[in-house]
Structures are given as structure tokens and as C-alpha cells.
Protein backbone atom coordinates (compact mmCIF):
# COMPACT_ATOMS: atom_id res chain seq x y z
CA MET A 1 204.70 196.79 136.66
CA TYR A 2 204.51 199.32 139.49
CA LEU A 3 203.15 202.85 139.45
CA LEU A 4 205.12 205.21 141.70
CA VAL A 5 203.09 208.37 142.22
CA GLY A 6 204.70 211.43 143.79
CA LEU A 7 202.26 214.04 145.07
CA GLY A 8 202.74 217.76 144.55
CA ASN A 9 201.47 220.84 142.72
CA PRO A 10 202.50 221.60 139.13
CA GLY A 11 204.38 224.79 138.31
CA ASP A 12 207.74 226.36 139.16
CA MET A 13 206.33 228.44 142.02
CA TYR A 14 205.60 225.23 143.98
CA ALA A 15 208.75 223.32 143.05
CA LYS A 16 210.52 223.60 146.43
CA ASN A 17 207.40 223.50 148.62
CA ARG A 18 207.12 220.97 151.45
CA HIS A 19 203.93 219.78 149.71
CA ASN A 20 206.06 218.84 146.68
CA ALA A 21 208.26 216.32 148.50
CA GLY A 22 206.66 213.56 146.37
CA PHE A 23 207.56 215.28 143.08
CA MET A 24 211.10 215.89 144.36
CA ALA A 25 211.50 212.22 145.34
CA LEU A 26 210.45 211.12 141.82
CA ASP A 27 212.98 213.50 140.26
CA TYR A 28 215.66 211.90 142.44
CA ILE A 29 214.60 208.36 141.46
CA LYS A 30 214.46 209.33 137.77
CA VAL A 31 218.08 210.53 137.82
CA LYS A 32 219.36 207.70 140.02
CA TYR A 33 217.93 205.00 137.73
CA SER A 34 218.24 206.86 134.38
CA PHE A 35 214.51 206.83 133.63
CA ASP A 36 213.13 208.48 130.47
CA GLY A 37 212.28 212.19 130.55
CA PHE A 38 208.80 213.06 131.87
CA LYS A 39 206.12 213.24 129.16
CA LYS A 40 202.66 214.81 129.48
CA LYS A 41 199.57 212.62 129.03
CA ASP A 42 196.02 213.62 129.97
CA ASN A 43 196.29 215.21 133.42
CA TYR A 44 199.64 213.74 134.53
CA LYS A 45 203.30 213.48 133.57
CA PHE A 46 204.99 210.10 133.44
CA SER A 47 208.46 208.61 133.08
CA LYS A 48 209.24 204.93 132.42
CA GLY A 49 212.20 202.83 133.46
CA LYS A 50 213.33 199.86 135.49
CA ILE A 51 214.27 199.34 139.11
CA GLY A 52 216.09 196.04 139.22
CA SER A 53 214.19 193.78 136.83
CA GLU A 54 210.82 195.45 137.46
CA ASP A 55 209.14 197.88 135.05
CA VAL A 56 208.23 201.07 136.91
CA VAL A 57 206.28 204.16 135.83
CA LEU A 58 206.79 207.42 137.73
CA VAL A 59 203.71 209.66 137.76
CA LYS A 60 203.32 213.32 138.72
CA PRO A 61 199.65 214.43 138.78
CA GLN A 62 199.15 217.80 137.07
CA THR A 63 195.75 218.44 138.66
CA PHE A 64 196.90 220.23 141.82
CA MET A 65 196.98 218.37 145.11
CA ASN A 66 193.26 218.37 145.96
CA LEU A 67 192.39 216.53 142.73
CA SER A 68 195.32 214.08 142.67
CA GLY A 69 193.00 211.07 142.50
CA GLN A 70 191.71 212.06 139.07
CA ALA A 71 195.22 211.84 137.62
CA VAL A 72 196.13 208.69 139.55
CA THR A 73 193.07 206.75 138.34
CA LYS A 74 193.67 207.89 134.73
CA ALA A 75 197.29 206.69 134.90
CA MET A 76 196.28 203.41 136.56
CA SER A 77 193.72 202.78 133.84
CA PHE A 78 196.16 203.56 131.01
CA PHE A 79 199.01 201.45 132.43
CA LYS A 80 196.62 198.71 133.70
CA ILE A 81 197.73 198.98 137.33
CA GLN A 82 195.92 197.39 140.28
CA PRO A 83 195.85 199.19 143.69
CA SER A 84 198.23 196.49 145.00
CA ASP A 85 200.90 197.79 142.56
CA LEU A 86 200.37 201.47 143.39
CA VAL A 87 202.89 203.28 145.61
CA VAL A 88 202.17 206.89 146.62
CA ILE A 89 205.00 209.10 147.93
CA TYR A 90 203.98 212.26 149.78
CA ASP A 91 204.80 214.81 152.48
CA ASP A 92 203.60 214.27 156.06
CA VAL A 93 203.40 216.99 158.74
CA ALA A 94 202.84 214.35 161.43
CA LEU A 95 206.45 213.15 161.06
CA PRO A 96 209.70 214.96 161.92
CA PHE A 97 211.61 216.30 158.95
CA GLY A 98 213.48 213.55 157.09
CA LYS A 99 211.75 210.58 158.71
CA VAL A 100 210.44 208.10 156.13
CA ARG A 101 207.52 205.81 156.97
CA ILE A 102 206.02 203.06 154.86
CA ARG A 103 202.49 201.70 155.30
CA GLU A 104 200.52 199.09 153.38
CA THR A 105 197.20 200.86 153.93
CA GLY A 106 195.73 203.48 156.26
CA SER A 107 193.72 206.65 156.49
CA PRO A 108 194.53 209.86 154.62
CA GLY A 109 194.83 211.86 157.85
CA GLY A 110 194.49 215.49 156.83
CA HIS A 111 196.25 215.06 153.48
CA ASN A 112 194.00 216.33 150.68
CA GLY A 113 195.92 214.47 147.96
CA LEU A 114 195.32 211.12 149.66
CA LYS A 115 191.69 211.96 150.39
CA ASP A 116 191.04 212.45 146.68
CA ILE A 117 192.98 209.32 145.69
CA GLU A 118 190.86 207.22 148.07
CA LYS A 119 187.66 208.89 146.88
CA GLN A 120 188.46 208.26 143.19
CA LEU A 121 189.94 204.80 143.76
CA GLY A 122 187.29 203.61 146.20
CA SER A 123 190.05 201.85 148.13
CA LYS A 124 192.61 202.45 150.89
CA ASN A 125 194.63 199.40 149.87
CA TYR A 126 197.70 200.89 148.26
CA THR A 127 201.20 201.40 149.63
CA ARG A 128 202.18 204.79 151.08
CA VAL A 129 205.67 206.22 151.51
CA ARG A 130 205.49 209.22 153.85
CA ILE A 131 208.27 211.83 154.00
CA GLY A 132 208.33 213.84 157.22
CA VAL A 133 208.35 217.63 156.78
CA ASP A 134 207.78 218.61 160.47
CA PRO A 135 204.53 219.96 161.89
CA PRO A 136 203.68 223.64 161.37
CA PRO A 137 205.05 225.90 164.12
CA TYR A 138 201.58 227.17 165.08
CA PRO A 139 198.09 225.63 164.89
CA GLY A 140 196.05 226.97 161.99
CA MET A 141 199.14 227.44 159.79
CA LEU A 142 198.93 224.15 157.93
CA ALA A 143 198.13 225.43 154.41
CA ASP A 144 200.77 228.19 154.52
CA PHE A 145 203.32 225.80 156.01
CA VAL A 146 203.01 223.01 153.42
CA LEU A 147 203.02 225.60 150.60
CA GLY A 148 206.19 227.12 152.05
CA ASP A 149 209.60 226.15 150.69
CA PHE A 150 212.07 223.77 152.27
CA SER A 151 215.18 225.57 153.51
CA LYS A 152 218.40 225.26 151.49
CA GLU A 153 219.79 222.96 154.22
CA GLN A 154 216.70 220.76 154.11
CA ILE A 155 216.90 220.42 150.32
CA GLU A 156 220.54 219.35 150.68
CA ALA A 157 219.56 216.83 153.37
CA LEU A 158 216.83 215.36 151.16
CA SER A 159 219.34 214.66 148.39
CA ALA A 160 222.12 213.60 150.77
CA GLY A 161 220.30 210.68 152.39
CA ILE A 162 216.56 211.08 152.92
CA PHE A 163 215.58 210.28 149.34
CA ASP A 164 217.95 207.29 149.47
CA ASN A 165 215.82 205.97 152.35
CA VAL A 166 212.75 206.41 150.13
CA LEU A 167 214.55 204.56 147.35
CA ASP A 168 215.63 201.71 149.64
CA GLY A 169 212.00 201.34 150.70
CA VAL A 170 210.72 201.39 147.12
CA ASN A 171 213.27 198.72 146.16
CA LEU A 172 212.00 196.41 148.91
CA ILE A 173 208.34 197.12 148.03
CA ILE A 174 208.75 196.20 144.37
CA GLN A 175 210.63 193.04 145.34
CA GLY A 176 207.49 192.05 147.28
CA ASN A 177 209.08 192.67 150.68
CA ILE A 178 206.65 195.22 152.12
CA GLY A 179 207.04 193.82 155.64
CA MET A 180 210.82 194.15 155.46
CA ALA A 181 210.43 197.66 154.01
CA MET A 182 208.30 198.73 156.97
CA ASN A 183 210.60 197.12 159.53
CA GLU A 184 213.81 198.48 158.06
CA ILE A 185 212.87 201.94 156.76
CA ASN A 186 210.42 202.91 159.52
CA GLY A 187 213.16 202.29 162.09
CA ARG A 188 215.71 204.57 160.46
CA ASP A 189 216.52 208.12 161.44
CA GLY A 190 216.04 210.80 158.78
CA ASP A 191 219.55 210.70 157.36
CA GLN A 192 220.41 207.04 157.91
CA ALA A 193 220.50 205.87 154.30
CA GLN A 194 221.95 202.51 153.30
CA LYS A 195 225.20 203.21 151.49
């Protein structure tokens, strides 16, 4: 079983924020693979289904971004998930909009959600799927930028190809082909989904 965690902030006011790219990606996966509806448990929402023959649980922390690790560790404990079967999907201002990058491990950079996951988990050894949202236009604007909404055109682009790249990567990861996922997905342009 794999735990796919999308990072974001709960509540309608944040729904289209750049910081909610992880939540948006999970919503896309849920529809694409006909997962169950999201249910609330403890401090997270979850949805169960299958991708191929593999059982997968989608998890949206409900703790706000800075405390994501508390929800992730609760969900991992409940579903008996090891860090090696954890995949975290999140926004990244270090990548151009639409670029998807997969890494087996790494540092959190400036991402507060990842910082808390690593603090709570005591490990950096989990798979990351980064969705590029562009850097902020001016230094010192990071918080306002990530809590700003995607444009209508960007939301259309996410659904028209970018989230398919995320999905292609997730498929390879859960088949045990992390190396292939990194080689194939990291080399794609933002809208170059496999049809």
C-alpha cells in the first residue's frame, strides 16, 4: 500500500492557491481513478482506491501547511505505512510553472510543509513529487505569492496535462520504478503528458 499525500491548506479560501497544488493533484487523481470520496479522520482527510493493482490512500492534511507532519505521521501510523511507501506531492517555487520533478530524498528547501514532515518523521527518505509554480516576482514576496491563486489559464493547464505528468510519475513510483520515474518525468516540459 502507498500513501499519496498532497500538501495544502484546508478551507475554500485556499482552494486555488499555488500552495494547494498538492491538494489539487489529489483531486485529479481521485476522479481519474474513481477513488472513494474523501472522509475526515483525526487531522486529515483520506480517500482509498487502486492504481493498477496497488492499494493507494490519498491524504490531505487538515492541519495547515506548517503542521503537515502531524497529519502525515498520524495517517502513516493508522494505515501502517513505512517512509519508503510515502509519496508527497507539493508546490515548488524553485521550478517553472508546470514542471514536475521527482526525487527519492532531499532537503525541504524553504517549504514549511516538508520541514514539518521531516521533523515529525525523523527522516528525509520518502519520495517527493514537486509541481513548479514559478518563483515570486519580487524577493520577500514568497508568503503572499504561494497564498495567491493560480490564474484561470494555469488551472486549465494543470488539468490539461501537468497533473497527467504527476500521475505518470506516481504510476512508475508505485510499480517500483523510481529511477525510470525520475528519468522520464524530470525530463518533460510542463505540458508534455503521455497520452
